[in-house]
C-alpha atoms as a PDB file:
ATOM      1  CA  MET A   1     -14.649 -11.163   1.536  1.00  0.00           C
ATOM      2  CA  VAL A   2     -10.990 -12.158   1.360  1.00  0.00           C
ATOM      3  CA  SER A   3     -10.179 -15.734   2.308  1.00  0.00           C
ATOM      4  CA  ARG A   4      -7.541 -16.596   4.912  1.00  0.00           C
ATOM      5  CA  LYS A   5      -5.587 -18.375   2.171  1.00  0.00           C
ATOM      6  CA  ALA A   6      -5.469 -15.136   0.155  1.00  0.00           C
ATOM      7  CA  VAL A   7      -4.047 -13.317   3.183  1.00  0.00           C
ATOM      8  CA  VAL A   8      -1.233 -15.847   3.561  1.00  0.00           C
ATOM      9  CA  ILE A   9      -0.401 -15.754  -0.159  1.00  0.00           C
ATOM     10  CA  MET A  10      -0.311 -11.960  -0.291  1.00  0.00           C
ATOM     11  CA  ARG A  11       2.298 -11.801   2.493  1.00  0.00           C
ATOM     12  CA  THR A  12       4.835 -13.451   0.226  1.00  0.00           C
ATOM     13  CA  VAL A  13       4.274 -11.094  -2.725  1.00  0.00           C
ATOM     14  CA  PRO A  14       6.708  -8.150  -3.076  1.00  0.00           C
ATOM     15  CA  ILE A  15       4.916  -4.849  -2.486  1.00  0.00           C
ATOM     16  CA  HIS A  16       5.549  -3.494  -5.995  1.00  0.00           C
ATOM     17  CA  GLU A  17       3.897  -6.601  -7.493  1.00  0.00           C
ATOM     18  CA  LEU A  18       0.866  -6.291  -5.216  1.00  0.00           C
ATOM     19  CA  LEU A  19       0.457  -2.590  -6.032  1.00  0.00           C
ATOM     20  CA  ASN A  20       0.680  -3.352  -9.748  1.00  0.00           C
ATOM     21  CA  ARG A  21      -1.940  -6.063  -9.381  1.00  0.00           C
ATOM     22  CA  ILE A  22      -4.300  -3.660  -7.623  1.00  0.00           C
ATOM     23  CA  ARG A  23      -3.713  -1.071 -10.355  1.00  0.00           C
ATOM     24  CA  TRP A  24      -3.952  -3.320 -13.419  1.00  0.00           C
ATOM     25  CA  ASP A  25      -5.979  -6.453 -12.541  1.00  0.00           C
ATOM     26  CA  ALA A  26      -9.596  -5.262 -12.738  1.00  0.00           C
ATOM     27  CA  GLU A  27     -11.032  -8.432 -11.192  1.00  0.00           C
ATOM     28  CA  PHE A  28      -8.667  -8.404  -8.204  1.00  0.00           C
ATOM     29  CA  ALA A  29      -9.070  -4.641  -7.746  1.00  0.00           C
ATOM     30  CA  HIS A  30     -12.773  -4.839  -6.874  1.00  0.00           C
ATOM     31  CA  GLY A  31     -13.085  -3.519  -3.355  1.00  0.00           C
ATOM     32  CA  ASN A  32     -11.730  -0.756  -1.179  1.00  0.00           C
ATOM     33  CA  PHE A  33      -7.965  -0.837  -0.779  1.00  0.00           C
ATOM     34  CA  GLU A  34      -5.909   1.083   1.755  1.00  0.00           C
ATOM     35  CA  LEU A  35      -2.155   1.337   2.271  1.00  0.00           C
ATOM     36  CA  GLY A  36      -0.470   1.732   5.631  1.00  0.00           C
ATOM     37  CA  TYR A  37       2.928   3.400   5.400  1.00  0.00           C
ATOM     38  CA  PHE A  38       5.421   4.377   8.082  1.00  0.00           C
ATOM     39  CA  ASP A  39       5.616   8.141   8.523  1.00  0.00           C
ATOM     40  CA  ARG A  40       9.078   9.046   9.781  1.00  0.00           C
ATOM     41  CA  VAL A  41       7.987  12.406  11.207  1.00  0.00           C
ATOM     42  CA  GLU A  42       5.001  11.078  13.147  1.00  0.00           C
ATOM     43  CA  GLU A  43       6.773   7.757  13.853  1.00  0.00           C
ATOM     44  CA  ARG A  44       3.637   5.721  13.200  1.00  0.00           C
ATOM     45  CA  ILE A  45       1.813   3.913  10.432  1.00  0.00           C
ATOM     46  CA  ILE A  46      -0.615   6.100   8.520  1.00  0.00           C
ATOM     47  CA  VAL A  47      -3.379   4.392   6.522  1.00  0.00           C
ATOM     48  CA  VAL A  48      -4.583   6.098   3.345  1.00  0.00           C
ATOM     49  CA  PRO A  49      -7.179   5.083   0.728  1.00  0.00           C
ATOM     50  CA  PHE A  50      -5.595   3.642  -2.415  1.00  0.00           C
ATOM     51  CA  ALA A  51      -7.807   5.969  -4.491  1.00  0.00           C
ATOM     52  CA  GLU A  52      -5.983   8.982  -2.999  1.00  0.00           C
ATOM     53  CA  ILE A  53      -2.487   8.023  -4.128  1.00  0.00           C
ATOM     54  CA  SER A  54      -0.800   8.370  -7.506  1.00  0.00           C
ATOM     55  CA  PHE A  55       2.128   6.616  -9.140  1.00  0.00           C
ATOM     56  CA  PRO A  56       4.420   9.049 -10.997  1.00  0.00           C
ATOM     57  CA  ARG A  57       6.064   7.573 -14.079  1.00  0.00           C
ATOM     58  CA  GLU A  58       9.358   9.296 -13.300  1.00  0.00           C
ATOM     59  CA  ASP A  59       9.556   7.650  -9.858  1.00  0.00           C
ATOM     60  CA  PRO A  60       8.725   3.930 -10.216  1.00  0.00           C
ATOM     61  CA  GLN A  61       9.726   3.007  -6.634  1.00  0.00           C
ATOM     62  CA  ALA A  62       7.367   5.400  -4.832  1.00  0.00           C
ATOM     63  CA  PHE A  63       3.842   6.747  -4.723  1.00  0.00           C
ATOM     64  CA  ARG A  64       2.566  10.247  -4.043  1.00  0.00           C
ATOM     65  CA  LEU A  65      -0.252  11.537  -1.922  1.00  0.00           C
ATOM     66  CA  VAL A  66      -1.607  14.944  -1.018  1.00  0.00           C
ATOM     67  CA  ASP A  67      -2.358  15.527   2.664  1.00  0.00           C
ATOM     68  CA  GLY A  68      -5.246  17.509   4.138  1.00  0.00           C
ATOM     69  CA  GLU A  69      -3.191  20.705   3.988  1.00  0.00           C
ATOM     70  CA  GLY A  70      -2.400  20.297   0.289  1.00  0.00           C
ATOM     71  CA  ARG A  71       1.217  19.174   0.755  1.00  0.00           C
ATOM     72  CA  ILE A  72       2.529  16.522  -1.636  1.00  0.00           C
ATOM     73  CA  HIS A  73       4.307  13.565  -0.028  1.00  0.00           C
ATOM     74  CA  ARG A  74       6.579  11.078  -1.790  1.00  0.00           C
ATOM     75  CA  VAL A  75       6.432   7.671  -0.114  1.00  0.00           C
ATOM     76  CA  PRO A  76       8.959   5.015  -1.187  1.00  0.00           C
ATOM     77  CA  PHE A  77       7.560   1.506  -1.450  1.00  0.00           C
ATOM     78  CA  HIS A  78       9.894   0.245   1.301  1.00  0.00           C
ATOM     79  CA  ARG A  79       7.909   2.347   3.803  1.00  0.00           C
ATOM     80  CA  VAL A  80       4.643   0.528   3.007  1.00  0.00           C
ATOM     81  CA  ARG A  81       3.896  -1.696   5.999  1.00  0.00           C
ATOM     82  CA  GLU A  82       0.324  -2.917   5.407  1.00  0.00           C
ATOM     83  CA  VAL A  83      -2.279  -3.298   2.651  1.00  0.00           C
ATOM     84  CA  TYR A  84      -5.989  -3.693   3.374  1.00  0.00           C
ATOM     85  CA  LYS A  85      -8.834  -4.834   1.134  1.00  0.00           C
ATOM     86  CA  ASP A  86     -12.351  -4.121   2.369  1.00  0.00           C
ATOM     87  CA  GLY A  87     -11.002  -3.545   5.875  1.00  0.00           C
ATOM     88  CA  GLN A  88      -9.082  -6.826   6.106  1.00  0.00           C
ATOM     89  CA  ARG A  89      -5.289  -6.824   6.085  1.00  0.00           C
ATOM     90  CA  ILE A  90      -4.116  -8.828   3.074  1.00  0.00           C
ATOM     91  CA  TRP A  91      -0.414  -7.973   3.207  1.00  0.00           C
ATOM     92  CA  HIS A  92       2.102  -6.764   5.760  1.00  0.00           C
ATOM     93  CA  ARG A  93       5.821  -6.313   5.955  1.00  0.00           C
ATOM     94  CA  PRO A  94       7.454  -8.331   8.735  1.00  0.00           C
ATOM     95  CA  GLU A  95       8.926  -6.289  11.596  1.00  0.00           C
ATOM     96  CA  GLY A  96      12.490  -5.204  11.040  1.00  0.00           C
ATOM     97  CA  LYS A  97      12.409  -5.766   7.277  1.00  0.00           C
ATOM     98  CA  ALA A  98      13.087  -2.514   5.399  1.00  0.00           C
ATOM     99  CA  ALA A  99      12.554  -3.628   1.824  1.00  0.00           C
END
């Protein structure tokens, strides 16, 4: 269970710092994380399990995911709109803010 205080704190953390914390802080990373990113083709937020994305070393400002048809997608961090932990939103990007 994530406390309301944790939700408020996470909103002020830059997305790259939150993603690094999920990746490298074993205690914080307990739970099921999901990322919601804005898909420009579908014009909506798509939520994907954190376990299904990868972080290429050669592209430190983006993550990759493979869709159901086997296509690889590069998603820049500025398109991440929401982060969920155990089904509760812990971070979101304010409307109209691109980065």
